[in-house]
Amino acid sequence: MFEGIVNARDLGGIRIGEKTVKSGLLLRTAHLHSATRRDLTRLQEEFHLRRIFDFRSKPEAMLQPDIDIPGAEYLLLPTLDTSVEKQSGEAMPEEMWVNLEKHIVRLSFMKLFQEKGQELYPSLAFSEFSQLQYATFLNLILETEEGAVLWHCSQGKDRTGMGAALILAALGADRETIIRDFDRSNDAYRPIVEKLCADVEAAGGGEAEKEVVRAFMGVSVHNFNRTLDMIERQWGSLQQYLQDQMEIGPQECRRLQERYLV
């Protein structure tokens, strides 16, 4: 979709019931640090980009800052609460997260990292800190009456994927549609995941270790499904979760549907 922006896609064209998401308005990507001049021109002139939501932590964003796009407001909305990890002494250096590919084989053998892989999506869904950030994201999309919005994290898969899931739920998408979009990040990262899983196996690792690679270098559909199950057990549906935790109720969903579905 772009020259220098990886794992980028437009939610446009996704079928929701009898309607389709409009093209060119809802964009999800990895970070914009490596965007080319042509990418920036397209975002400005073709998509009329108005808001960029960056779900990375402040240190992540400082290490690989987005390139400014004229006409687009940049908003940093960290969706992971790193304060708990810092207090417990379990926080990883930001540089390691940015260069995770170099470290993931070694980290996959650590029980702590195996647990992190399983807990990532529930932490995004159940943390009050994360809920507040995603609520801000959705409400600011409601306020954006023209042009496109774009949201991203580092690789454009986990934190970004959760944002896409919430938008699609508000638009009325069923669970299968939400999971299908989430899983598409694996298409973008499959070659590196397969290589690193082979490296893990060569180092004596098994399924538990390879699942860490899949979770951190691709997306774990298994863990995402498990998180959706947890949400549905507690709130009944993603739509009810949006209403109860983020104040995105039927009226707000209708406004989004009127704007983004055709």
Protein backbone atom coordinates (compact mmCIF):
# COMPACT_ATOMS: atom_id res chain seq x y z
CA MET A 1 0.00 0.00 0.00
CA PHE A 2 2.92 2.35 0.77
CA GLU A 3 6.62 2.31 -0.09
CA GLY A 4 8.16 2.73 3.36
CA ILE A 5 5.31 2.07 5.77
CA VAL A 6 4.92 -1.61 6.57
CA ASN A 7 1.83 -3.61 7.52
CA ALA A 8 -0.37 -0.84 6.16
CA ARG A 9 -3.93 -1.33 5.10
CA ASP A 10 -7.18 0.50 4.59
CA LEU A 11 -10.23 -0.88 6.38
CA GLY A 12 -12.15 0.20 3.30
CA GLY A 13 -13.85 -2.66 1.48
CA ILE A 14 -14.57 -4.75 4.58
CA ARG A 15 -18.14 -6.04 4.40
CA ILE A 16 -20.31 -5.42 7.46
CA GLY A 17 -23.78 -6.87 7.02
CA GLU A 18 -25.30 -5.36 3.88
CA LYS A 19 -22.85 -2.45 3.86
CA THR A 20 -19.14 -1.87 3.19
CA VAL A 21 -16.54 0.27 4.94
CA LYS A 22 -15.75 3.33 2.80
CA SER A 23 -12.28 3.39 1.30
CA GLY A 24 -9.58 5.91 2.11
CA LEU A 25 -10.76 6.98 5.55
CA LEU A 26 -9.68 4.41 8.16
CA LEU A 27 -5.99 3.52 7.87
CA ARG A 28 -3.94 1.23 10.13
CA THR A 29 -0.17 0.93 9.79
CA ALA A 30 3.16 0.42 11.51
CA HIS A 31 5.09 3.55 12.55
CA LEU A 32 5.64 6.39 10.08
CA HIS A 33 9.34 6.86 10.80
CA SER A 34 10.32 5.17 7.54
CA ALA A 35 7.66 6.78 5.33
CA THR A 36 8.99 7.94 1.98
CA ARG A 37 8.33 11.34 0.44
CA ARG A 38 5.81 9.71 -1.90
CA ASP A 39 4.07 8.06 1.09
CA LEU A 40 3.76 11.45 2.80
CA THR A 41 2.44 13.08 -0.36
CA ARG A 42 -0.20 10.39 -0.78
CA LEU A 43 -1.30 10.64 2.86
CA GLN A 44 -1.61 14.40 2.51
CA GLU A 45 -3.07 14.76 -0.98
CA GLU A 46 -4.82 11.45 -1.71
CA PHE A 47 -6.15 10.54 1.73
CA HIS A 48 -6.38 14.08 3.17
CA LEU A 49 -5.08 12.73 6.45
CA ARG A 50 -6.37 14.71 9.43
CA ARG A 51 -5.34 12.79 12.55
CA ILE A 52 -2.56 10.35 13.43
CA PHE A 53 -2.92 8.27 16.59
CA ASP A 54 0.35 6.80 17.88
CA PHE A 55 -0.22 3.98 20.40
CA ARG A 56 3.48 3.61 21.29
CA SER A 57 5.05 4.65 24.56
CA LYS A 58 6.77 8.02 24.64
CA PRO A 59 10.29 6.46 24.64
CA GLU A 60 9.35 4.25 21.65
CA ALA A 61 8.07 7.27 19.78
CA MET A 62 11.22 9.25 20.57
CA LEU A 63 13.47 6.46 19.27
CA GLN A 64 11.62 6.25 15.94
CA PRO A 65 9.63 9.48 15.61
CA ASP A 66 6.90 9.79 13.00
CA ILE A 67 7.62 12.13 10.12
CA ASP A 68 5.37 15.19 10.22
CA ILE A 69 2.55 15.32 7.69
CA PRO A 70 1.18 18.81 6.92
CA GLY A 71 -2.52 19.06 7.72
CA ALA A 72 -2.52 16.06 10.08
CA GLU A 73 -2.68 16.40 13.86
CA TYR A 74 -0.34 13.99 15.67
CA LEU A 75 -1.55 12.52 18.98
CA LEU A 76 0.52 10.25 21.19
CA LEU A 77 -1.82 7.86 23.03
CA PRO A 78 0.24 5.12 24.73
CA THR A 79 -2.09 2.14 25.14
CA LEU A 80 0.15 0.00 27.34
CA ASP A 81 0.56 0.99 30.99
CA THR A 82 4.28 0.38 31.55
CA SER A 83 4.26 1.81 35.10
CA VAL A 84 3.33 -1.56 36.63
CA GLU A 85 6.26 -3.30 34.96
CA LYS A 86 8.62 -0.53 35.99
CA GLN A 87 7.50 -0.81 39.62
CA SER A 88 8.00 -4.57 39.58
CA GLY A 89 11.38 -4.32 37.86
CA GLU A 90 10.10 -6.36 34.89
CA ALA A 91 10.20 -3.58 32.30
CA MET A 92 12.36 -4.18 29.24
CA PRO A 93 14.54 -1.37 27.83
CA GLU A 94 12.74 0.51 25.06
CA GLU A 95 15.69 -0.12 22.72
CA MET A 96 15.08 -3.85 23.07
CA TRP A 97 11.43 -3.48 22.02
CA VAL A 98 12.44 -1.45 18.98
CA ASN A 99 15.02 -4.12 17.99
CA LEU A 100 13.02 -7.09 19.21
CA GLU A 101 13.95 -9.24 16.22
CA LYS A 102 17.55 -9.35 17.46
CA HIS A 103 16.57 -10.59 20.91
CA ILE A 104 13.42 -12.65 20.47
CA VAL A 105 15.08 -16.09 20.14
CA ARG A 106 16.82 -15.67 23.50
CA LEU A 107 13.76 -14.09 25.12
CA SER A 108 11.49 -16.90 23.92
CA PHE A 109 13.09 -19.27 26.44
CA MET A 110 12.25 -16.97 29.36
CA LYS A 111 9.13 -17.87 31.32
CA LEU A 112 8.48 -14.17 31.91
CA PHE A 113 8.29 -13.53 28.19
CA GLN A 114 6.12 -16.58 27.60
CA GLU A 115 3.67 -15.13 30.13
CA LYS A 116 3.89 -11.66 28.56
CA GLY A 117 2.88 -13.11 25.20
CA GLN A 118 -0.27 -14.56 26.74
CA GLU A 119 -1.13 -11.46 28.75
CA LEU A 120 -0.60 -8.75 26.12
CA TYR A 121 -4.11 -8.65 24.65
CA PRO A 122 -5.96 -9.02 27.98
CA SER A 123 -3.85 -6.17 29.35
CA LEU A 124 -4.97 -3.96 26.46
CA ALA A 125 -8.61 -4.90 26.95
CA PHE A 126 -8.92 -4.90 30.74
CA SER A 127 -6.51 -2.20 31.93
CA GLU A 128 -8.32 1.01 32.88
CA PHE A 129 -5.31 2.92 31.54
CA SER A 130 -5.63 1.24 28.12
CA GLN A 131 -9.40 1.63 28.06
CA LEU A 132 -9.06 5.37 28.64
CA GLN A 133 -6.61 5.73 25.77
CA TYR A 134 -8.76 3.74 23.37
CA ALA A 135 -11.84 5.69 24.48
CA THR A 136 -9.99 8.93 23.67
CA PHE A 137 -9.04 7.45 20.28
CA LEU A 138 -12.63 6.54 19.42
CA ASN A 139 -14.06 9.86 20.60
CA LEU A 140 -11.51 11.83 18.58
CA ILE A 141 -12.42 9.80 15.51
CA LEU A 142 -16.02 10.85 16.14
CA GLU A 143 -14.84 14.46 16.14
CA THR A 144 -12.98 14.05 12.82
CA GLU A 145 -15.66 14.98 10.32
CA GLU A 146 -13.60 15.00 7.12
CA GLY A 147 -10.51 13.33 5.74
CA ALA A 148 -8.79 10.16 6.88
CA VAL A 149 -7.55 9.04 10.28
CA LEU A 150 -4.55 6.76 10.79
CA TRP A 151 -3.56 4.79 13.87
CA HIS A 152 -0.41 2.81 14.50
CA CYS A 153 2.01 1.41 17.04
CA SER A 154 5.49 0.07 16.29
CA GLN A 155 4.69 -2.88 14.01
CA GLY A 156 1.03 -2.02 13.43
CA LYS A 157 -0.29 -5.33 14.72
CA ASP A 158 -1.16 -5.70 18.43
CA ARG A 159 -2.03 -2.28 19.84
CA THR A 160 -3.07 -1.18 16.37
CA GLY A 161 -5.05 -4.39 15.89
CA MET A 162 -6.98 -3.81 19.09
CA GLY A 163 -7.84 -0.30 17.89
CA ALA A 164 -9.09 -1.71 14.60
CA ALA A 165 -11.14 -4.35 16.43
CA LEU A 166 -12.88 -1.66 18.48
CA ILE A 167 -13.66 0.45 15.42
CA LEU A 168 -14.98 -2.54 13.50
CA ALA A 169 -17.11 -3.55 16.48
CA ALA A 170 -18.57 -0.03 16.65
CA LEU A 171 -19.34 -0.28 12.93
CA GLY A 172 -21.26 -3.50 13.61
CA ALA A 173 -18.76 -6.09 12.38
CA ASP A 174 -19.15 -9.65 13.60
CA ARG A 175 -16.43 -11.53 15.41
CA GLU A 176 -15.28 -13.42 12.31
CA THR A 177 -14.73 -10.18 10.40
CA ILE A 178 -12.78 -8.64 13.28
CA ILE A 179 -10.54 -11.69 13.60
CA ARG A 180 -9.95 -11.84 9.85
CA ASP A 181 -8.61 -8.27 9.83
CA PHE A 182 -6.51 -8.93 12.94
CA ASP A 183 -4.96 -12.04 11.37
CA ARG A 184 -3.88 -10.17 8.23
CA SER A 185 -0.86 -8.83 10.12
CA ASN A 186 0.50 -12.38 9.97
CA ASP A 187 0.63 -12.06 6.17
CA ALA A 188 2.97 -9.09 6.53
CA TYR A 189 5.28 -10.74 9.03
CA ARG A 190 5.08 -14.43 8.05
CA PRO A 191 8.58 -14.67 6.47
CA ILE A 192 10.40 -13.32 9.53
CA VAL A 193 8.21 -15.34 11.93
CA GLU A 194 8.98 -18.57 10.06
CA LYS A 195 12.71 -17.79 10.05
CA LEU A 196 12.80 -16.99 13.77
CA CYS A 197 10.72 -20.07 14.65
CA ALA A 198 13.30 -22.15 12.77
CA ASP A 199 16.06 -20.41 14.78
CA VAL A 200 14.21 -21.19 18.01
CA GLU A 201 13.85 -24.85 17.01
CA ALA A 202 17.56 -25.00 16.14
CA ALA A 203 18.32 -23.67 19.62
CA GLY A 204 16.31 -26.49 21.20
CA GLY A 205 12.99 -24.69 21.64
CA GLY A 206 9.54 -26.16 21.24
CA GLU A 207 5.98 -24.89 20.82
CA ALA A 208 6.05 -22.68 23.92
CA GLU A 209 9.12 -20.85 22.64
CA LYS A 210 7.82 -20.61 19.07
CA GLU A 211 4.53 -19.19 20.37
CA VAL A 212 6.51 -16.30 21.87
CA VAL A 213 7.90 -15.55 18.40
CA ARG A 214 4.43 -15.75 16.86
CA ALA A 215 2.98 -13.50 19.55
CA PHE A 216 5.64 -10.78 19.42
CA MET A 217 6.76 -10.87 15.79
CA GLY A 218 3.36 -11.66 14.30
CA VAL A 219 -0.02 -11.80 16.01
CA SER A 220 -1.42 -14.64 18.08
CA VAL A 221 -4.96 -15.26 16.84
CA HIS A 222 -5.30 -17.86 19.61
CA ASN A 223 -4.59 -15.27 22.31
CA PHE A 224 -6.78 -12.69 20.58
CA ASN A 225 -9.68 -15.17 20.48
CA ARG A 226 -9.11 -15.93 24.15
CA THR A 227 -9.28 -12.21 24.94
CA LEU A 228 -12.52 -11.82 22.99
CA ASP A 229 -13.93 -14.76 24.98
CA MET A 230 -12.97 -12.99 28.22
CA ILE A 231 -14.66 -9.77 27.07
CA GLU A 232 -17.82 -11.60 26.05
CA ARG A 233 -17.99 -13.48 29.34
CA GLN A 234 -17.81 -10.23 31.31
CA TRP A 235 -19.78 -7.84 29.09
CA GLY A 236 -21.73 -10.10 26.74
CA SER A 237 -20.36 -8.54 23.54
CA LEU A 238 -17.72 -6.16 22.22
CA GLN A 239 -20.46 -3.61 21.59
CA GLN A 240 -21.56 -3.71 25.23
CA TYR A 241 -17.92 -3.45 26.30
CA LEU A 242 -17.61 -0.29 24.18
CA GLN A 243 -20.67 1.20 25.84
CA ASP A 244 -19.79 0.28 29.42
CA GLN A 245 -16.05 0.93 29.39
CA MET A 246 -15.63 3.63 26.74
CA GLU A 247 -19.04 5.35 26.58
CA ILE A 248 -19.35 4.48 22.90
CA GLY A 249 -23.03 3.56 22.90
CA PRO A 250 -25.68 3.05 20.20
CA GLN A 251 -25.82 6.76 19.31
CA GLU A 252 -22.06 7.02 18.82
CA CYS A 253 -22.00 3.78 16.85
CA ARG A 254 -24.73 5.09 14.54
CA ARG A 255 -22.71 8.24 13.88
CA LEU A 256 -19.67 6.16 12.99
CA GLN A 257 -21.75 3.87 10.78
CA GLU A 258 -23.30 6.82 8.95
CA ARG A 259 -19.88 8.31 8.29
CA TYR A 260 -17.86 5.20 7.41
CA LEU A 261 -20.29 2.70 5.87
CA VAL A 262 -21.83 2.76 2.44
